[in-house]
Amino acid sequence: MPKVISRSAVSSSTDAAPTASSAAALRVYYCICGEFILVIDKSLASLPRRQTDGAIIVRSQDSDAGKARVFKLNATPGDPVLVERQDGHERQHRFLCPRCALPIGYQSTPPPEKSGPYLYIIKGALTQMQGQVPADAFEGEKAVRNRQK
């Protein structure tokens, strides 16, 4: 029987220097119902918030003020809503959860997402733990107690 000699090379990535793309950790966010909604390159908690409604500001396009975030939104476009503010009104083009139709976020321009300079994520709409309600989901709401007589 002939002798079998095999030659193989072992490759390891532990010796390689980390690249910018490998150092960037992607964060995954879910709707309260458990549906996958958002993948983004930075934690939502570290992003700025709007003064008007506390929504998280996600920069969609590069500008002089800064670079756009890398993200993918899994939401369906909803009907535009006109919101009254103290200093006037604003039109919100909302994005809804594809499973439960809960409003997830909005932007000032018509869909698709990233067509405007910013995407706003509604406060308390997303969670990092699937099936867990975020702490700020009901912030500012009055407690309702069911009284039985």
N, C-alpha and C. Protein backbone atom coordinates (compact mmCIF):
# COMPACT_ATOMS: atom_id res chain seq x y z
N MET A 1 0.84 -1.16 0.00
CA MET A 1 0.00 0.00 0.00
C MET A 1 0.90 1.25 0.00
N PRO A 2 0.56 2.23 -0.85
CA PRO A 2 1.40 3.42 -0.91
C PRO A 2 1.24 4.27 0.35
N LYS A 3 2.29 4.96 0.65
CA LYS A 3 2.31 5.82 1.82
C LYS A 3 1.61 7.14 1.48
N VAL A 4 0.69 7.61 2.34
CA VAL A 4 -0.05 8.85 2.10
C VAL A 4 0.59 9.96 2.94
N ILE A 5 0.99 10.99 2.24
CA ILE A 5 1.57 12.15 2.93
C ILE A 5 0.68 13.35 2.63
N SER A 6 0.23 13.98 3.66
CA SER A 6 -0.62 15.15 3.44
C SER A 6 0.09 16.40 3.97
N ARG A 7 -0.12 17.44 3.27
CA ARG A 7 0.44 18.72 3.69
C ARG A 7 -0.71 19.70 3.84
N SER A 8 -0.78 20.32 5.00
CA SER A 8 -1.83 21.31 5.22
C SER A 8 -1.25 22.51 5.95
N ALA A 9 -1.84 23.63 5.69
CA ALA A 9 -1.40 24.86 6.34
C ALA A 9 -2.47 25.28 7.35
N VAL A 10 -2.03 25.69 8.50
CA VAL A 10 -2.94 26.13 9.54
C VAL A 10 -2.90 27.65 9.56
N SER A 11 -4.07 28.23 9.49
CA SER A 11 -4.19 29.69 9.50
C SER A 11 -4.93 30.12 10.75
N SER A 12 -4.43 31.17 11.37
CA SER A 12 -5.07 31.67 12.58
C SER A 12 -5.23 33.17 12.49
N SER A 13 -6.38 33.65 12.88
CA SER A 13 -6.63 35.09 12.83
C SER A 13 -6.26 35.78 14.13
N THR A 14 -5.80 35.03 15.13
CA THR A 14 -5.44 35.65 16.40
C THR A 14 -4.17 36.47 16.29
N ASP A 15 -3.32 36.15 15.30
CA ASP A 15 -2.07 36.89 15.12
C ASP A 15 -2.27 38.15 14.27
N ALA A 16 -3.39 38.23 13.57
CA ALA A 16 -3.62 39.36 12.67
C ALA A 16 -3.99 40.61 13.47
N ALA A 17 -3.56 41.75 12.97
CA ALA A 17 -3.90 43.02 13.61
C ALA A 17 -5.38 43.32 13.34
N PRO A 18 -6.10 43.81 14.34
CA PRO A 18 -7.52 44.12 14.13
C PRO A 18 -7.69 45.29 13.17
N THR A 19 -8.71 45.17 12.33
CA THR A 19 -9.02 46.24 11.38
C THR A 19 -10.13 47.10 11.95
N ALA A 20 -10.39 48.24 11.33
CA ALA A 20 -11.45 49.13 11.81
C ALA A 20 -12.81 48.45 11.73
N SER A 21 -13.05 47.66 10.68
CA SER A 21 -14.35 47.00 10.54
C SER A 21 -14.54 45.89 11.55
N SER A 22 -13.46 45.21 11.93
CA SER A 22 -13.60 44.13 12.91
C SER A 22 -13.75 44.68 14.32
N ALA A 23 -13.27 45.90 14.55
CA ALA A 23 -13.38 46.49 15.88
C ALA A 23 -14.77 47.09 16.11
N ALA A 24 -15.49 47.36 15.04
CA ALA A 24 -16.82 47.96 15.16
C ALA A 24 -17.83 46.87 15.52
N ALA A 25 -18.43 47.01 16.69
CA ALA A 25 -19.42 46.04 17.13
C ALA A 25 -20.80 46.52 16.71
N LEU A 26 -21.56 45.64 16.11
CA LEU A 26 -22.93 45.98 15.71
C LEU A 26 -23.88 45.65 16.85
N ARG A 27 -24.85 46.51 17.06
CA ARG A 27 -25.86 46.31 18.09
C ARG A 27 -27.18 45.95 17.42
N VAL A 28 -27.89 45.02 18.02
CA VAL A 28 -29.17 44.57 17.48
C VAL A 28 -30.27 44.99 18.44
N TYR A 29 -31.36 45.52 17.89
CA TYR A 29 -32.50 45.97 18.70
C TYR A 29 -33.78 45.34 18.18
N TYR A 30 -34.70 45.11 19.12
CA TYR A 30 -35.96 44.43 18.83
C TYR A 30 -37.13 45.30 19.28
N CYS A 31 -38.27 45.06 18.66
CA CYS A 31 -39.53 45.68 19.09
C CYS A 31 -39.95 45.02 20.41
N ILE A 32 -40.88 45.62 21.10
CA ILE A 32 -41.39 45.05 22.35
C ILE A 32 -42.02 43.67 22.10
N CYS A 33 -42.59 43.47 20.89
CA CYS A 33 -43.21 42.17 20.56
C CYS A 33 -42.17 41.09 20.26
N GLY A 34 -40.89 41.46 20.12
CA GLY A 34 -39.83 40.49 19.87
C GLY A 34 -39.32 40.49 18.44
N GLU A 35 -39.91 41.26 17.55
CA GLU A 35 -39.49 41.31 16.14
C GLU A 35 -38.18 42.07 16.00
N PHE A 36 -37.27 41.52 15.17
CA PHE A 36 -36.00 42.19 14.87
C PHE A 36 -36.30 43.50 14.11
N ILE A 37 -35.73 44.63 14.57
CA ILE A 37 -36.02 45.93 13.97
C ILE A 37 -34.77 46.65 13.47
N LEU A 38 -33.70 46.70 14.25
CA LEU A 38 -32.59 47.59 13.94
C LEU A 38 -31.24 46.95 14.23
N VAL A 39 -30.31 47.14 13.31
CA VAL A 39 -28.90 46.83 13.52
C VAL A 39 -28.16 48.14 13.31
N ILE A 40 -27.33 48.53 14.26
CA ILE A 40 -26.64 49.82 14.19
C ILE A 40 -25.23 49.68 14.75
N ASP A 41 -24.34 50.56 14.33
CA ASP A 41 -22.94 50.47 14.70
C ASP A 41 -22.61 51.10 16.06
N LYS A 42 -23.59 51.65 16.76
CA LYS A 42 -23.36 52.28 18.06
C LYS A 42 -24.57 52.05 18.95
N SER A 43 -24.35 52.03 20.24
CA SER A 43 -25.44 51.85 21.20
C SER A 43 -26.40 53.03 21.12
N LEU A 44 -27.70 52.75 21.14
CA LEU A 44 -28.70 53.82 21.11
C LEU A 44 -28.61 54.71 22.34
N ALA A 45 -28.20 54.16 23.47
CA ALA A 45 -28.09 54.93 24.71
C ALA A 45 -27.03 56.03 24.60
N SER A 46 -26.05 55.84 23.72
CA SER A 46 -24.97 56.83 23.59
C SER A 46 -25.28 57.91 22.54
N LEU A 47 -26.38 57.77 21.82
CA LEU A 47 -26.74 58.75 20.79
C LEU A 47 -27.53 59.90 21.42
N PRO A 48 -27.50 61.08 20.78
CA PRO A 48 -28.23 62.23 21.34
C PRO A 48 -29.74 62.06 21.24
N ARG A 49 -30.46 62.84 22.05
CA ARG A 49 -31.92 62.79 22.07
C ARG A 49 -32.50 64.15 21.71
N ARG A 50 -33.70 64.13 21.14
CA ARG A 50 -34.42 65.37 20.82
C ARG A 50 -34.96 65.98 22.10
N GLN A 51 -34.96 67.30 22.16
CA GLN A 51 -35.53 68.00 23.31
C GLN A 51 -37.06 67.91 23.31
N THR A 52 -37.68 67.88 22.12
CA THR A 52 -39.14 67.93 22.02
C THR A 52 -39.84 66.70 22.57
N ASP A 53 -39.37 65.51 22.19
CA ASP A 53 -40.07 64.28 22.60
C ASP A 53 -39.15 63.20 23.16
N GLY A 54 -37.86 63.47 23.28
CA GLY A 54 -36.93 62.49 23.83
C GLY A 54 -36.55 61.38 22.87
N ALA A 55 -36.89 61.51 21.58
CA ALA A 55 -36.56 60.48 20.59
C ALA A 55 -35.04 60.46 20.36
N ILE A 56 -34.53 59.30 20.05
CA ILE A 56 -33.10 59.12 19.78
C ILE A 56 -32.82 59.58 18.35
N ILE A 57 -31.77 60.39 18.19
CA ILE A 57 -31.42 60.94 16.88
C ILE A 57 -30.36 60.05 16.23
N VAL A 58 -30.67 59.51 15.06
CA VAL A 58 -29.72 58.71 14.29
C VAL A 58 -29.43 59.48 13.00
N ARG A 59 -28.19 59.89 12.81
CA ARG A 59 -27.82 60.63 11.61
C ARG A 59 -27.83 59.68 10.42
N SER A 60 -28.64 60.01 9.40
CA SER A 60 -28.81 59.15 8.23
C SER A 60 -27.88 59.50 7.08
N GLN A 61 -27.46 60.76 7.02
CA GLN A 61 -26.65 61.23 5.90
C GLN A 61 -25.44 62.00 6.42
N ASP A 62 -24.33 61.92 5.68
CA ASP A 62 -23.16 62.70 6.03
C ASP A 62 -23.45 64.19 5.85
N SER A 63 -22.89 65.00 6.73
CA SER A 63 -23.03 66.45 6.62
C SER A 63 -21.80 67.09 7.27
N ASP A 64 -21.79 68.42 7.28
CA ASP A 64 -20.69 69.14 7.93
C ASP A 64 -20.67 68.87 9.43
N ALA A 65 -21.83 68.59 10.01
CA ALA A 65 -21.95 68.36 11.45
C ALA A 65 -21.41 66.99 11.87
N GLY A 66 -21.34 66.04 10.96
CA GLY A 66 -20.84 64.72 11.33
C GLY A 66 -21.10 63.67 10.27
N LYS A 67 -20.59 62.49 10.57
CA LYS A 67 -20.71 61.35 9.66
C LYS A 67 -21.98 60.56 9.97
N ALA A 68 -22.56 59.96 8.94
CA ALA A 68 -23.77 59.17 9.10
C ALA A 68 -23.48 57.87 9.85
N ARG A 69 -24.45 57.39 10.60
CA ARG A 69 -24.37 56.09 11.28
C ARG A 69 -24.61 54.99 10.26
N VAL A 70 -24.03 53.86 10.51
CA VAL A 70 -24.27 52.67 9.69
C VAL A 70 -25.37 51.89 10.39
N PHE A 71 -26.51 51.74 9.70
CA PHE A 71 -27.63 51.01 10.30
C PHE A 71 -28.52 50.41 9.23
N LYS A 72 -29.30 49.41 9.66
CA LYS A 72 -30.30 48.77 8.81
C LYS A 72 -31.58 48.70 9.62
N LEU A 73 -32.64 49.29 9.07
CA LEU A 73 -33.94 49.33 9.74
C LEU A 73 -34.88 48.34 9.08
N ASN A 74 -35.49 47.48 9.88
CA ASN A 74 -36.47 46.52 9.38
C ASN A 74 -37.84 46.97 9.87
N ALA A 75 -38.44 47.91 9.14
CA ALA A 75 -39.74 48.45 9.53
C ALA A 75 -40.52 48.82 8.27
N THR A 76 -41.83 48.83 8.40
CA THR A 76 -42.67 49.19 7.26
C THR A 76 -43.09 50.66 7.37
N PRO A 77 -43.14 51.37 6.25
CA PRO A 77 -43.57 52.77 6.30
C PRO A 77 -45.04 52.87 6.69
N GLY A 78 -45.33 53.86 7.53
CA GLY A 78 -46.70 54.11 7.94
C GLY A 78 -47.20 55.41 7.33
N ASP A 79 -48.41 55.78 7.66
CA ASP A 79 -48.97 57.04 7.18
C ASP A 79 -48.30 58.21 7.88
N PRO A 80 -48.14 59.34 7.17
CA PRO A 80 -47.57 60.52 7.83
C PRO A 80 -48.53 61.07 8.87
N VAL A 81 -47.96 61.64 9.92
CA VAL A 81 -48.74 62.18 11.03
C VAL A 81 -48.31 63.63 11.24
N LEU A 82 -49.27 64.52 11.47
CA LEU A 82 -48.98 65.91 11.76
C LEU A 82 -49.04 66.09 13.28
N VAL A 83 -47.90 66.43 13.88
CA VAL A 83 -47.80 66.56 15.33
C VAL A 83 -47.76 68.04 15.70
N GLU A 84 -48.64 68.46 16.60
CA GLU A 84 -48.66 69.85 17.06
C GLU A 84 -47.61 70.04 18.15
N ARG A 85 -46.81 71.09 18.00
CA ARG A 85 -45.80 71.46 18.99
C ARG A 85 -46.11 72.87 19.48
N GLN A 86 -45.44 73.31 20.53
CA GLN A 86 -45.65 74.65 21.06
C GLN A 86 -45.29 75.72 20.05
N ASP A 87 -44.25 75.48 19.29
CA ASP A 87 -43.79 76.47 18.31
C ASP A 87 -44.26 76.17 16.89
N GLY A 88 -45.31 75.40 16.74
CA GLY A 88 -45.84 75.08 15.41
C GLY A 88 -46.20 73.61 15.31
N HIS A 89 -45.96 73.04 14.15
CA HIS A 89 -46.25 71.63 13.95
C HIS A 89 -45.14 70.99 13.11
N GLU A 90 -45.10 69.67 13.14
CA GLU A 90 -44.12 68.95 12.33
C GLU A 90 -44.79 67.72 11.73
N ARG A 91 -44.38 67.39 10.52
CA ARG A 91 -44.89 66.21 9.83
C ARG A 91 -43.91 65.07 10.08
N GLN A 92 -44.42 63.96 10.59
CA GLN A 92 -43.61 62.77 10.85
C GLN A 92 -44.03 61.66 9.91
N HIS A 93 -43.07 61.14 9.18
CA HIS A 93 -43.30 59.97 8.33
C HIS A 93 -42.83 58.78 9.16
N ARG A 94 -43.79 58.04 9.68
CA ARG A 94 -43.49 57.01 10.67
C ARG A 94 -43.11 55.68 10.04
N PHE A 95 -42.34 54.90 10.83
CA PHE A 95 -41.99 53.53 10.51
C PHE A 95 -42.57 52.64 11.59
N LEU A 96 -43.19 51.53 11.16
CA LEU A 96 -43.92 50.65 12.07
C LEU A 96 -43.27 49.28 12.12
N CYS A 97 -43.47 48.59 13.24
CA CYS A 97 -43.01 47.21 13.36
C CYS A 97 -43.77 46.36 12.35
N PRO A 98 -43.08 45.52 11.58
CA PRO A 98 -43.78 44.70 10.58
C PRO A 98 -44.69 43.63 11.20
N ARG A 99 -44.48 43.27 12.46
CA ARG A 99 -45.31 42.25 13.09
C ARG A 99 -46.52 42.85 13.82
N CYS A 100 -46.29 43.85 14.68
CA CYS A 100 -47.39 44.35 15.54
C CYS A 100 -47.84 45.77 15.18
N ALA A 101 -47.20 46.42 14.22
CA ALA A 101 -47.55 47.76 13.74
C ALA A 101 -47.35 48.86 14.80
N LEU A 102 -46.54 48.59 15.81
CA LEU A 102 -46.20 49.61 16.81
C LEU A 102 -45.28 50.63 16.16
N PRO A 103 -45.51 51.94 16.37
CA PRO A 103 -44.59 52.94 15.81
C PRO A 103 -43.19 52.78 16.42
N ILE A 104 -42.19 52.70 15.57
CA ILE A 104 -40.80 52.49 15.99
C ILE A 104 -40.02 53.79 15.91
N GLY A 105 -40.21 54.52 14.81
CA GLY A 105 -39.46 55.75 14.59
C GLY A 105 -40.12 56.58 13.51
N TYR A 106 -39.46 57.69 13.18
CA TYR A 106 -39.99 58.58 12.16
C TYR A 106 -38.86 59.41 11.57
N GLN A 107 -39.15 60.03 10.45
CA GLN A 107 -38.25 60.99 9.84
C GLN A 107 -39.07 62.11 9.23
N SER A 108 -38.42 63.21 8.87
CA SER A 108 -39.14 64.37 8.37
C SER A 108 -39.44 64.29 6.87
N THR A 109 -38.82 63.34 6.18
CA THR A 109 -39.03 63.18 4.74
C THR A 109 -39.77 61.87 4.46
N PRO A 110 -40.45 61.78 3.31
CA PRO A 110 -41.15 60.52 2.99
C PRO A 110 -40.19 59.35 2.85
N PRO A 111 -40.69 58.11 3.05
CA PRO A 111 -39.86 56.92 2.91
C PRO A 111 -39.22 56.85 1.54
N PRO A 112 -38.14 56.13 1.37
CA PRO A 112 -37.56 55.12 2.25
C PRO A 112 -36.72 55.74 3.36
N GLU A 113 -36.31 54.88 4.33
CA GLU A 113 -35.45 55.39 5.39
C GLU A 113 -34.14 55.88 4.78
N LYS A 114 -33.47 56.74 5.48
CA LYS A 114 -32.22 57.39 5.06
C LYS A 114 -32.43 58.42 3.96
N SER A 115 -33.68 58.76 3.62
CA SER A 115 -33.91 59.79 2.61
C SER A 115 -33.82 61.18 3.21
N GLY A 116 -33.87 61.28 4.53
CA GLY A 116 -33.72 62.56 5.22
C GLY A 116 -32.43 62.58 6.01
N PRO A 117 -32.09 63.73 6.59
CA PRO A 117 -30.83 63.82 7.32
C PRO A 117 -30.82 63.02 8.63
N TYR A 118 -31.99 62.82 9.24
CA TYR A 118 -32.07 62.11 10.52
C TYR A 118 -33.21 61.11 10.52
N LEU A 119 -33.00 60.05 11.29
CA LEU A 119 -34.05 59.09 11.63
C LEU A 119 -34.20 59.19 13.14
N TYR A 120 -35.41 59.30 13.62
CA TYR A 120 -35.66 59.42 15.05
C TYR A 120 -36.29 58.13 15.55
N ILE A 121 -35.70 57.53 16.58
CA ILE A 121 -36.25 56.32 17.20
C ILE A 121 -37.07 56.75 18.40
N ILE A 122 -38.33 56.37 18.44
CA ILE A 122 -39.24 56.77 19.51
C ILE A 122 -38.76 56.18 20.84
N LYS A 123 -38.78 57.03 21.86
CA LYS A 123 -38.32 56.64 23.19
C LYS A 123 -39.11 55.44 23.70
N GLY A 124 -38.39 54.40 24.12
CA GLY A 124 -39.02 53.22 24.69
C GLY A 124 -39.56 52.22 23.68
N ALA A 125 -39.31 52.43 22.39
CA ALA A 125 -39.87 51.53 21.37
C ALA A 125 -39.00 50.29 21.14
N LEU A 126 -37.71 50.37 21.41
CA LEU A 126 -36.80 49.26 21.11
C LEU A 126 -36.08 48.76 22.36
N THR A 127 -35.71 47.49 22.32
CA THR A 127 -34.97 46.87 23.41
C THR A 127 -33.87 45.98 22.84
N GLN A 128 -32.79 45.81 23.61
CA GLN A 128 -31.70 44.92 23.16
C GLN A 128 -31.97 43.47 23.53
N MET A 129 -32.84 43.24 24.50
CA MET A 129 -33.17 41.88 24.92
C MET A 129 -34.53 41.51 24.35
N GLN A 130 -34.54 40.52 23.49
CA GLN A 130 -35.77 40.12 22.83
C GLN A 130 -36.81 39.67 23.86
N GLY A 131 -38.01 40.26 23.76
CA GLY A 131 -39.09 39.90 24.67
C GLY A 131 -39.08 40.63 25.99
N GLN A 132 -38.14 41.56 26.18
CA GLN A 132 -38.07 42.32 27.43
C GLN A 132 -38.47 43.77 27.16
N VAL A 133 -39.35 44.32 27.97
CA VAL A 133 -39.82 45.70 27.80
C VAL A 133 -38.72 46.63 28.31
N PRO A 134 -38.33 47.64 27.51
CA PRO A 134 -37.29 48.58 27.96
C PRO A 134 -37.77 49.42 29.14
N ALA A 135 -36.83 49.87 29.96
CA ALA A 135 -37.15 50.62 31.18
C ALA A 135 -37.89 51.91 30.87
N ASP A 136 -37.58 52.56 29.74
CA ASP A 136 -38.20 53.85 29.43
C ASP A 136 -39.44 53.72 28.56
N ALA A 137 -39.98 52.53 28.41
CA ALA A 137 -41.15 52.32 27.54
C ALA A 137 -42.39 53.05 28.05
N PHE A 138 -42.57 53.10 29.35
CA PHE A 138 -43.76 53.72 29.90
C PHE A 138 -43.41 54.96 30.73
N GLU A 139 -42.22 55.52 30.49
CA GLU A 139 -41.78 56.70 31.22
C GLU A 139 -42.72 57.87 30.92
N GLY A 140 -43.18 58.55 31.96
CA GLY A 140 -44.08 59.68 31.79
C GLY A 140 -45.55 59.30 31.77
N GLU A 141 -45.84 58.01 31.76
CA GLU A 141 -47.24 57.56 31.77
C GLU A 141 -47.73 57.48 33.21
N LYS A 142 -49.00 57.75 33.41
CA LYS A 142 -49.60 57.64 34.74
C LYS A 142 -49.97 56.19 35.00
N ALA A 143 -49.76 55.77 36.20
CA ALA A 143 -50.11 54.40 36.58
C ALA A 143 -51.62 54.28 36.70
N VAL A 144 -52.18 53.21 36.14
CA VAL A 144 -53.60 52.95 36.21
C VAL A 144 -53.78 51.68 37.03
N ARG A 145 -54.58 51.82 38.07
CA ARG A 145 -54.82 50.65 38.92
C ARG A 145 -56.24 50.17 38.72
N ASN A 146 -56.38 48.89 38.66
CA ASN A 146 -57.68 48.28 38.48
C ASN A 146 -58.28 48.04 39.85
N ARG A 147 -59.31 48.80 40.19
CA ARG A 147 -59.96 48.63 41.49
C ARG A 147 -61.15 47.69 41.36
N GLN A 148 -61.18 46.73 42.22
CA GLN A 148 -62.31 45.80 42.26
C GLN A 148 -63.12 46.11 43.49
N LYS A 149 -64.43 46.19 43.33
CA LYS A 149 -65.32 46.50 44.47
C LYS A 149 -66.05 45.31 44.92
